[in-house]
Protein backbone atom coordinates (compact mmCIF):
# COMPACT_ATOMS: atom_id res chain seq x y z
CA MET A 1 5.80 -17.05 0.30
CA ILE A 2 2.64 -16.98 2.38
CA ARG A 3 0.26 -14.56 0.73
CA SER A 4 -3.33 -13.59 1.40
CA ILE A 5 -5.55 -12.38 -1.39
CA PHE A 6 -7.96 -9.49 -0.97
CA ILE A 7 -9.99 -8.80 -4.08
CA ARG A 8 -11.54 -5.36 -4.05
CA ILE A 9 -13.91 -4.77 -6.97
CA ILE A 10 -14.66 -1.10 -6.59
CA SER A 11 -15.86 0.10 -9.93
CA ILE A 12 -18.59 -1.86 -11.64
CA GLY A 13 -20.44 1.06 -13.16
CA ILE A 14 -23.18 1.97 -15.59
CA ILE A 15 -23.15 5.41 -17.22
CA SER A 16 -26.33 6.59 -18.90
CA ALA A 17 -27.42 10.15 -19.73
CA GLY A 18 -24.65 11.56 -17.55
CA LEU A 19 -25.62 9.39 -14.56
CA LEU A 20 -23.00 7.07 -13.13
CA MET A 21 -24.20 4.32 -10.81
CA ALA A 22 -21.42 2.54 -8.98
CA VAL A 23 -21.59 -0.71 -7.08
CA ALA A 24 -18.82 -1.64 -4.68
CA VAL A 25 -18.27 -5.33 -4.05
CA THR A 26 -15.68 -6.74 -1.72
CA LEU A 27 -14.55 -10.34 -1.88
CA VAL A 28 -12.19 -11.69 0.70
CA LEU A 29 -10.09 -14.80 0.37
CA MET A 30 -7.83 -15.24 3.34
CA ALA A 31 -4.73 -17.27 4.20
CA GLN A 32 -3.92 -18.66 0.79
CA TRP A 33 -0.60 -20.44 0.37
CA HIS A 34 1.94 -19.95 -2.41
CA VAL A 35 -0.08 -17.37 -4.28
CA THR A 36 2.34 -15.45 -6.44
CA GLU A 37 0.06 -12.67 -7.65
CA PRO A 38 -1.12 -9.89 -5.32
CA ALA A 39 -4.75 -8.97 -5.07
CA MET A 40 -6.65 -7.33 -7.89
CA ALA A 41 -8.74 -4.29 -7.16
CA ALA A 42 -10.99 -4.00 -10.20
CA SER A 43 -12.14 -6.35 -12.91
CA ALA A 44 -10.26 -5.73 -16.13
CA GLY A 45 -13.33 -4.89 -18.17
CA SER A 46 -15.37 -2.91 -15.69
CA ALA A 47 -16.54 0.62 -16.32
CA PRO A 48 -15.23 3.30 -13.97
CA GLY A 49 -16.83 3.91 -10.62
CA PHE A 50 -17.61 7.47 -9.54
CA GLU A 51 -16.93 7.39 -5.80
CA GLY A 52 -13.30 8.21 -5.13
CA SER A 53 -12.42 8.93 -8.74
CA VAL A 54 -10.36 11.95 -9.73
CA GLU A 55 -12.35 14.80 -11.21
CA ALA A 56 -11.31 17.96 -13.01
CA GLY A 57 -12.44 20.96 -11.04
CA ASP A 58 -11.86 19.40 -7.62
CA GLY A 59 -8.55 21.24 -7.15
CA PRO A 60 -7.35 24.83 -7.61
CA GLY A 61 -8.60 26.20 -10.92
CA ASP A 62 -11.99 25.04 -12.08
CA GLY A 63 -11.94 22.43 -14.81
CA PRO A 64 -14.57 20.80 -17.01
CA GLY A 65 -17.21 18.36 -15.86
CA VAL A 66 -15.06 15.34 -16.60
CA GLY A 67 -14.00 12.47 -14.36
CA VAL A 68 -10.98 10.32 -15.14
CA LEU A 69 -9.58 6.99 -14.03
CA PHE A 70 -6.26 5.56 -15.11
CA ASP A 71 -5.51 1.87 -15.49
CA PRO A 72 -1.71 1.34 -15.41
CA ALA A 73 -2.18 -2.27 -16.58
CA LEU A 74 -0.55 -3.79 -13.51
CA GLU A 75 -1.94 -7.19 -14.47
CA GLY A 76 -0.53 -6.94 -17.99
CA GLY A 77 -1.67 -5.45 -21.24
CA VAL A 78 -1.63 -1.78 -22.26
CA PRO A 79 -2.29 1.18 -19.93
CA GLU A 80 -5.43 3.16 -20.67
CA LEU A 81 -7.27 6.26 -19.56
CA MET A 82 -10.99 6.25 -18.86
CA LEU A 83 -12.96 9.50 -19.15
CA PHE A 84 -16.60 10.04 -18.25
CA PRO A 85 -18.94 12.99 -17.67
CA ARG A 86 -19.47 14.14 -14.14
CA SER A 87 -22.87 13.56 -12.64
CA GLY A 88 -25.14 16.39 -13.65
CA THR A 89 -23.19 17.43 -16.73
CA GLY A 90 -25.78 18.12 -19.38
CA HIS A 91 -23.58 18.69 -22.40
CA PRO A 92 -20.53 17.11 -24.13
CA VAL A 93 -17.16 18.28 -22.78
CA PRO A 94 -14.11 18.62 -25.09
CA VAL A 95 -10.69 17.86 -23.61
CA TRP A 96 -7.22 17.57 -25.11
CA VAL A 97 -5.47 14.25 -24.48
CA ARG A 98 -1.72 13.93 -24.99
CA ALA A 99 0.12 10.59 -24.83
CA TYR A 100 3.87 10.58 -24.40
CA VAL A 101 6.92 8.52 -23.49
CA LEU A 102 9.94 9.50 -21.38
CA ASP A 103 13.15 9.58 -23.39
CA GLU A 104 16.61 8.61 -22.13
CA ASP A 105 16.94 12.02 -20.47
CA ASP A 106 13.54 11.61 -18.77
CA ARG A 107 11.94 14.24 -20.98
CA PRO A 108 8.37 13.66 -22.25
CA VAL A 109 8.19 13.03 -26.00
CA ILE A 110 4.72 13.25 -27.53
CA ARG A 111 3.55 10.12 -29.31
CA ALA A 112 -0.04 11.10 -30.02
CA GLU A 113 -2.50 13.84 -29.13
CA GLN A 114 -6.09 14.62 -29.99
CA VAL A 115 -9.24 16.29 -28.77
CA LEU A 116 -11.86 14.00 -27.25
CA THR A 117 -15.48 14.97 -26.70
CA VAL A 118 -16.67 13.36 -23.49
CA ASP A 119 -20.40 12.67 -23.54
CA ASP A 120 -20.23 9.04 -22.41
CA THR A 121 -17.56 6.72 -21.06
CA LEU A 122 -14.47 6.80 -23.27
CA ARG A 123 -11.41 4.58 -23.11
CA TYR A 124 -8.12 5.88 -24.50
CA MET A 125 -5.42 3.24 -24.90
CA LEU A 126 -1.88 4.61 -24.71
CA PRO A 127 0.41 4.02 -27.71
CA VAL A 128 3.24 1.72 -26.63
CA GLU A 129 6.18 -0.18 -28.04
CA GLU A 130 7.28 -3.71 -27.22
CA ARG A 131 9.96 -2.82 -24.70
CA ARG A 132 10.47 -1.43 -21.21
CA GLU A 133 9.39 2.21 -21.14
CA PHE A 134 7.69 4.87 -19.07
CA VAL A 135 4.52 6.00 -20.81
CA GLY A 136 2.20 8.78 -19.78
CA VAL A 137 -1.02 10.56 -20.63
CA ALA A 138 -2.04 14.12 -19.81
CA VAL A 139 -5.49 15.69 -19.95
CA LEU A 140 -5.44 19.41 -20.76
CA PRO A 141 -8.00 22.15 -21.37
CA GLY A 142 -6.51 22.75 -24.84
CA ARG A 143 -3.60 21.97 -27.12
CA ASP A 144 -1.59 25.05 -26.11
CA ALA A 145 -2.20 24.71 -22.34
CA ASP A 146 0.90 24.50 -20.14
CA ASP A 147 -0.55 22.83 -17.08
CA PRO A 148 -2.51 19.57 -17.38
CA TRP A 149 -5.53 18.85 -15.25
CA PHE A 150 -4.31 15.27 -14.91
CA ASP A 151 -1.03 13.58 -15.70
CA PHE A 152 -0.63 9.82 -15.19
CA ARG A 153 2.33 7.55 -15.92
CA ALA A 154 2.92 3.82 -16.00
CA LEU A 155 5.79 1.41 -16.43
CA TYR A 156 5.13 -0.67 -19.54
CA LEU A 157 6.90 -4.02 -19.79
CA GLY A 158 5.87 -5.16 -23.25
CA GLY A 159 2.46 -6.25 -22.01
CA GLU A 160 3.85 -8.45 -19.23
CA PRO A 161 2.31 -8.21 -15.73
CA VAL A 162 3.88 -5.42 -13.71
CA LEU A 163 2.58 -7.04 -10.52
CA GLU A 164 5.47 -9.51 -10.73
CA TYR A 165 8.09 -6.77 -11.13
CA ASP A 166 10.70 -6.51 -8.36
CA ALA A 167 13.02 -3.93 -9.96
CA ALA A 168 15.96 -6.34 -9.98
CA GLY A 169 18.94 -4.57 -11.48
CA VAL A 170 17.16 -1.22 -11.20
CA THR A 171 16.76 -0.58 -7.49
CA VAL A 172 20.05 -1.90 -6.13
CA PRO A 173 21.46 -1.46 -2.60
CA PRO A 174 25.04 -0.18 -2.29
CA ASP A 175 27.70 -2.78 -1.55
CA ASP A 176 28.07 -1.57 2.04
CA PHE A 177 24.30 -1.39 2.65
CA GLN A 178 24.38 -3.66 5.71
CA GLU A 179 27.37 -1.88 7.21
CA TYR A 180 25.69 1.51 6.68
CA TRP A 181 22.71 0.51 8.79
CA ASP A 182 24.69 -1.49 11.36
CA GLU A 183 26.82 1.59 11.99
CA ALA A 184 23.69 3.74 12.31
CA ARG A 185 22.17 1.38 14.88
CA ALA A 186 25.44 1.32 16.85
CA ARG A 187 25.65 5.12 16.76
CA LEU A 188 22.10 5.41 18.10
CA ALA A 189 22.70 2.78 20.79
CA GLY A 190 25.44 4.96 22.24
CA ILE A 191 22.91 7.69 23.03
CA PRO A 192 20.69 7.21 26.12
CA VAL A 193 16.93 7.35 25.56
CA ASN A 194 16.32 9.69 28.52
CA PRO A 195 12.52 9.58 28.26
CA ARG A 196 10.54 12.49 29.72
CA ILE A 197 6.89 11.56 30.19
CA GLU A 198 4.34 14.26 30.95
CA PRO A 199 0.58 13.66 31.40
CA VAL A 200 -1.84 15.70 29.30
CA PRO A 201 -4.70 16.21 31.76
CA ASP A 202 -7.29 17.72 29.40
CA PHE A 203 -7.31 14.72 27.05
CA GLU A 204 -10.88 13.48 26.65
CA SER A 205 -11.21 9.71 26.49
CA GLU A 206 -13.34 7.23 28.37
CA THR A 207 -10.77 4.46 28.02
CA GLY A 208 -7.36 6.08 27.58
CA ARG A 209 -4.82 8.48 29.03
CA LEU A 210 -2.50 10.72 26.99
CA TYR A 211 1.13 11.52 27.69
CA ARG A 212 3.62 13.72 25.88
CA VAL A 213 6.88 11.80 25.56
CA THR A 214 10.23 13.36 24.73
CA LEU A 215 13.11 11.08 23.76
CA GLN A 216 16.78 11.74 23.06
CA SER A 217 17.68 10.45 19.62
CA TRP A 218 20.30 10.59 16.84
CA ASP A 219 22.93 13.30 17.40
CA GLU A 220 21.37 13.81 20.87
CA ILE A 221 18.44 15.68 19.33
CA ASP A 222 15.11 15.40 21.14
CA ILE A 223 12.00 14.09 19.42
CA VAL A 224 8.39 14.14 20.66
CA GLY A 225 5.61 11.57 20.57
CA TRP A 226 2.06 11.25 21.87
CA TYR A 227 1.54 8.14 24.00
CA VAL A 228 -2.01 6.90 24.59
CA VAL A 229 -2.45 4.02 27.05
CA PRO A 230 -5.51 2.31 28.53
CA ALA A 231 -6.73 3.78 31.77
CA ASP A 232 -5.88 0.53 33.59
CA ALA A 233 -2.35 0.33 32.16
CA GLY A 234 -0.01 -1.37 34.57
CA GLN A 235 -2.40 -4.18 35.42
CA SER A 236 -1.58 -6.06 32.22
CA ARG A 237 0.46 -5.76 29.03
CA TYR A 238 -1.03 -4.53 25.76
CA PRO A 239 -0.06 -4.61 22.11
CA ALA A 240 1.33 -1.29 20.91
CA ILE A 241 1.28 0.48 17.53
CA GLN A 242 3.88 3.10 16.64
CA ILE A 243 2.37 5.48 14.09
CA MET A 244 4.60 7.58 11.83
CA PRO A 245 3.63 10.81 10.03
CA GLY A 246 3.21 11.77 6.42
CA TRP A 247 5.54 14.19 4.68
CA GLY A 248 6.06 17.30 6.82
CA ALA A 249 2.96 16.59 8.90
CA GLU A 250 2.47 16.27 12.63
CA GLN A 251 1.37 12.84 13.78
CA PRO A 252 -1.33 13.64 16.37
CA PRO A 253 -2.47 11.40 19.21
CA MET A 254 -4.50 8.38 18.09
CA ASP A 255 -6.70 6.80 20.73
CA ARG A 256 -7.28 3.09 20.08
CA THR A 257 -7.51 2.07 23.71
CA ALA A 258 -11.15 1.05 23.30
CA ASP A 259 -9.87 -1.65 20.92
CA GLY A 260 -7.17 -2.71 23.36
CA TYR A 261 -4.15 -1.03 21.71
CA ILE A 262 -1.54 1.34 23.05
CA THR A 263 -0.51 3.91 20.42
CA PHE A 264 2.64 5.98 20.15
CA SER A 265 2.36 8.76 17.57
CA LEU A 266 5.99 9.57 16.95
CA ASN A 267 7.12 12.79 15.29
CA PRO A 268 10.65 12.41 13.90
CA ARG A 269 12.92 15.42 13.68
CA SER A 270 11.55 18.40 11.76
CA HIS A 271 7.96 17.17 12.19
CA GLY A 272 5.24 18.45 14.51
CA PRO A 273 6.36 19.30 18.05
CA SER A 274 9.83 17.87 17.33
CA LYS A 275 10.50 21.00 15.26
CA ALA A 276 11.06 22.80 18.57
CA TYR A 277 14.32 20.85 18.89
CA PHE A 278 15.42 20.59 15.26
CA GLU A 279 14.06 21.88 11.96
CA THR A 280 15.86 21.39 8.67
CA PRO A 281 16.74 24.67 6.93
CA VAL A 282 15.51 23.24 3.61
CA ALA A 283 12.76 20.77 2.76
CA HIS A 284 13.61 17.81 4.95
CA HIS A 285 13.70 15.22 2.14
CA LEU A 286 16.62 17.15 0.61
CA TRP A 287 18.55 17.85 3.82
CA ASN A 288 22.10 16.49 3.39
CA ILE A 289 21.04 14.41 0.38
CA ASP A 290 24.56 14.73 -1.01
CA ARG A 291 26.05 13.43 2.26
CA PRO A 292 24.92 9.80 2.63
CA GLU A 293 26.26 9.41 6.18
CA GLU A 294 24.25 12.42 7.38
CA TYR A 295 21.21 12.29 5.10
CA TYR A 296 17.91 13.24 6.71
CA TYR A 297 16.21 9.88 6.34
CA ARG A 298 19.07 8.00 7.93
CA ALA A 299 18.60 10.09 11.06
CA ALA A 300 14.79 9.99 10.83
CA TYR A 301 14.70 6.19 10.50
CA MET A 302 16.82 6.07 13.64
CA ASP A 303 14.25 8.34 15.33
CA GLY A 304 11.76 5.59 14.53
CA VAL A 305 14.06 2.98 16.07
CA ARG A 306 14.34 5.18 19.14
CA GLY A 307 10.56 5.04 19.46
CA LEU A 308 10.74 1.25 19.43
CA ASP A 309 13.40 1.46 22.15
CA PHE A 310 10.92 3.39 24.28
CA LEU A 311 8.01 1.03 23.69
CA SER A 312 10.08 -2.09 24.28
CA ASP A 313 11.06 -0.85 27.71
CA ARG A 314 7.57 0.04 28.94
CA ALA A 315 6.03 -2.25 31.57
CA GLU A 316 2.54 -1.86 30.07
CA VAL A 317 3.67 -2.86 26.54
CA ASP A 318 3.97 -6.46 25.42
CA PRO A 319 7.37 -6.34 23.67
CA GLU A 320 6.37 -9.29 21.46
CA ARG A 321 3.41 -7.34 20.04
CA ILE A 322 4.71 -4.03 18.69
CA ALA A 323 3.54 -2.84 15.26
CA VAL A 324 4.54 0.06 13.02
CA GLU A 325 2.08 1.96 10.83
CA GLY A 326 1.90 4.93 8.52
CA GLY A 327 0.67 6.42 5.28
CA SER A 328 2.72 7.99 2.48
CA GLN A 329 6.01 8.97 4.18
CA GLY A 330 4.67 7.18 7.25
CA GLY A 331 4.19 4.07 5.11
CA ALA A 332 7.85 4.28 4.12
CA PHE A 333 8.79 4.56 7.81
CA ALA A 334 6.70 1.47 8.58
CA LEU A 335 8.46 -0.63 5.93
CA ALA A 336 11.89 0.74 6.84
CA LEU A 337 11.46 0.01 10.55
CA ALA A 338 10.15 -3.48 9.82
CA GLY A 339 13.33 -4.09 7.82
CA LEU A 340 15.68 -2.48 10.32
CA ASP A 341 14.34 -3.78 13.63
CA GLN A 342 13.42 -7.36 14.50
CA ARG A 343 11.28 -6.15 17.42
CA VAL A 344 8.55 -5.21 14.94
CA ALA A 345 5.80 -7.84 15.11
CA ALA A 346 3.55 -6.42 12.35
CA ALA A 347 3.71 -3.61 9.81
CA VAL A 348 1.07 -1.65 7.92
CA ALA A 349 2.10 0.65 5.06
CA ASN A 350 -0.51 2.68 3.17
CA VAL A 351 0.46 4.39 -0.13
CA PRO A 352 4.20 4.15 0.72
CA TYR A 353 6.69 6.86 -0.26
CA ILE A 354 10.40 6.53 -1.28
CA SER A 355 10.16 2.95 -2.48
CA ASN A 356 11.78 1.73 -5.70
CA ILE A 357 13.13 5.25 -6.08
CA PRO A 358 14.70 4.97 -9.58
CA ASP A 359 11.26 4.15 -11.01
CA TYR A 360 9.22 6.19 -8.51
CA ILE A 361 10.86 9.51 -9.43
CA ARG A 362 9.96 8.93 -13.09
CA LEU A 363 6.40 7.75 -12.48
CA SER A 364 5.38 10.41 -9.97
CA THR A 365 3.80 13.54 -11.48
CA SER A 366 3.00 15.25 -8.18
CA GLY A 367 4.82 15.65 -4.88
CA SER A 368 8.57 15.47 -4.32
CA GLY A 369 9.60 12.88 -6.91
CA ALA A 370 10.74 15.63 -9.28
CA ASP A 371 12.99 17.06 -6.53
CA PHE A 372 14.83 13.75 -6.23
CA LEU A 373 15.16 13.40 -10.00
CA GLU A 374 16.66 16.88 -10.24
CA ARG A 375 19.17 16.13 -7.49
CA ILE A 376 20.44 12.87 -8.94
CA LYS A 377 20.94 14.59 -12.30
CA ASP A 378 23.13 17.30 -10.77
CA PRO A 379 26.55 16.91 -12.46
CA GLU A 380 28.43 17.72 -9.25
CA THR A 381 26.46 16.01 -6.48
CA GLY A 382 24.15 13.62 -8.33
CA GLU A 383 26.18 10.50 -7.63
CA ASP A 384 26.17 11.16 -3.88
CA ALA A 385 22.45 11.96 -3.92
CA ALA A 386 21.67 8.71 -5.74
CA ARG A 387 23.74 6.81 -3.19
CA SER A 388 21.88 8.42 -0.28
CA LEU A 389 18.56 7.44 -1.83
CA ALA A 390 19.71 3.87 -2.46
CA TYR A 391 20.54 3.46 1.24
CA ILE A 392 17.13 4.67 2.45
CA ASP A 393 15.00 3.14 -0.34
CA VAL A 394 12.43 1.02 1.47
CA ALA A 395 12.37 -1.49 -1.38
CA ASN A 396 15.99 -2.29 -0.49
CA LEU A 397 15.06 -2.56 3.20
CA ALA A 398 12.02 -4.74 2.46
CA SER A 399 14.36 -7.67 1.79
CA PHE A 400 15.07 -7.75 5.54
CA ILE A 401 11.47 -7.69 6.76
CA SER A 402 10.58 -10.59 9.05
CA ALA A 403 7.19 -9.41 10.37
CA PRO A 404 3.73 -9.86 8.80
CA THR A 405 3.37 -6.87 6.49
CA GLN A 406 0.39 -5.29 4.78
CA ILE A 407 0.86 -2.81 1.91
CA ILE A 408 -2.02 -0.88 0.35
CA VAL A 409 -1.78 1.32 -2.73
CA GLY A 410 -4.16 3.64 -4.54
CA VAL A 411 -4.12 2.91 -8.26
CA GLN A 412 -4.90 6.58 -9.06
CA ASP A 413 -2.03 7.83 -6.88
CA ARG A 414 0.20 10.30 -8.74
CA VAL A 415 2.25 11.21 -5.64
CA THR A 416 3.39 7.73 -4.61
CA PRO A 417 2.46 5.56 -7.61
CA PRO A 418 1.22 2.01 -6.98
CA LEU A 419 4.48 0.50 -8.24
CA ASN A 420 6.09 1.75 -5.00
CA GLY A 421 4.07 -0.79 -3.05
CA VAL A 422 4.30 -3.53 -5.68
CA VAL A 423 8.11 -3.64 -5.65
CA ALA A 424 8.35 -3.47 -1.84
CA TYR A 425 5.85 -6.32 -1.59
CA ASN A 426 7.72 -8.46 -4.10
CA ARG A 427 10.93 -8.07 -2.12
CA ILE A 428 9.56 -9.31 1.20
CA PRO A 429 11.25 -12.68 1.83
CA ASP A 430 9.46 -15.94 1.13
CA GLY A 431 7.71 -17.38 4.16
CA ILE A 432 6.76 -13.99 5.65
CA PRO A 433 2.98 -13.35 5.72
CA ALA A 434 2.42 -10.40 3.41
CA GLU A 435 -0.49 -8.79 1.63
CA LEU A 436 -0.74 -6.25 -1.19
CA LEU A 437 -4.12 -4.53 -1.62
CA ARG A 438 -4.99 -2.22 -4.50
CA GLU A 439 -7.87 0.19 -4.29
CA PHE A 440 -8.61 1.10 -7.88
CA THR A 441 -10.35 4.45 -7.39
CA ALA A 442 -8.12 5.68 -4.56
CA GLY A 443 -5.50 8.35 -5.05
CA HIS A 444 -2.97 9.60 -2.52
CA GLU A 445 -5.10 9.06 0.56
CA ILE A 446 -5.86 6.75 3.44
CA SER A 447 -9.38 5.68 2.65
CA PRO A 448 -11.98 3.99 4.87
CA PHE A 449 -11.25 0.75 3.01
CA MET A 450 -7.57 1.08 3.94
CA ARG A 451 -8.38 1.75 7.60
CA GLN A 452 -10.71 -1.23 7.72
CA SER A 453 -8.06 -3.44 6.15
CA ASN A 454 -5.45 -2.20 8.62
CA ARG A 455 -7.69 -3.16 11.53
CA ARG A 456 -8.19 -6.62 10.07
CA TRP A 457 -4.42 -7.07 9.77
CA TYR A 458 -3.93 -6.18 13.42
CA GLU A 459 -6.68 -8.51 14.54
CA THR A 460 -4.90 -11.31 12.72
CA HIS A 461 -1.27 -10.56 13.51
CA LEU A 462 -1.12 -8.42 16.68
CA ARG A 463 -3.71 -9.88 19.00
């Protein structure tokens, strides 16, 4: 498989008297052949960097002056937690640290717990056994506290590198996986696009023009996107990027015309202005989860395909240069569309959601992973819910990707853990240019580093 390496050393730090000095170094090695390991993001022995790290007290409910970073040991070895005083903290800070393992019923079982006094950088190595297991560590204000300030989990494979893990035998597509998606494409093809394109006159841009586009999609439900084209569109053809939204969010207009790109910010059903035509009566990720043929994400992925139908038919768009992009849920859309539609010429997925779902729902400690786990454990509908998720799991769809694909994960991400991206990356077929980047101090976010890397990918694969 063609792989490019991007080594991002973010956290080479020195902590002294409560002062953390971080140096960020970026090394780039491009266009390497037959490299089996994805990029590393931090040297194994480096001290934690401060910028971008997770800190107690940043969220609701003030916490102590402690920063934490978690190393899930993706390159092998044992996961560990790093704790350090926040800048300006003038006294030691006691915290309660609890290490645990998930049992066969996915319940946390405590393996060790103790109070740690943080007055310098501390490293806490998680207790593990020599087998496959989900291990975790929580940081709490005290032994009897119910809600942790931080809760991280990792997949431990007996010390073996997790970067090589592809979830074989764990994340498995149903036997009729291909038929399921072929039928969905055929069902969508029977519905006319019927585009309605309306100019937005008050859009301020020196190089672009904005249009509101309404398309008819799955089940003849309308969806809305924001279409930004160069002011001289029609005189030549441009590459286009379809941008998909995060969970429940509106994808607003994105003007990249100064860089020579058309953008189409598509809002699938129950997102943004598309809610005017259809809004799920429950949280959309659970809508019809026990009905695989009508599950929300089957319809929403087809909304994404409908957007590609629109772009492919536009005179100002070069149909050979259409990319898909997104973060979190949008990253899942990007990978799914790259697997479902051969018209995709490049894909960019930041911190992707709903990938390698059987592991993801056990590793995630924030967001909707727990909702999925609860549904598949339902004694009446759990089997159908698990089947729905197997169909839409982007790790299963990644095996069909034929376009150059970039995946970026945040190692501190507790919403969409980094293993989501690792497994999707490892399933992209040999011979397809692909890149996995890991930003060590990033959580569930699209950081400046990620944006810069996305631009580089487009310059290489969409120009």
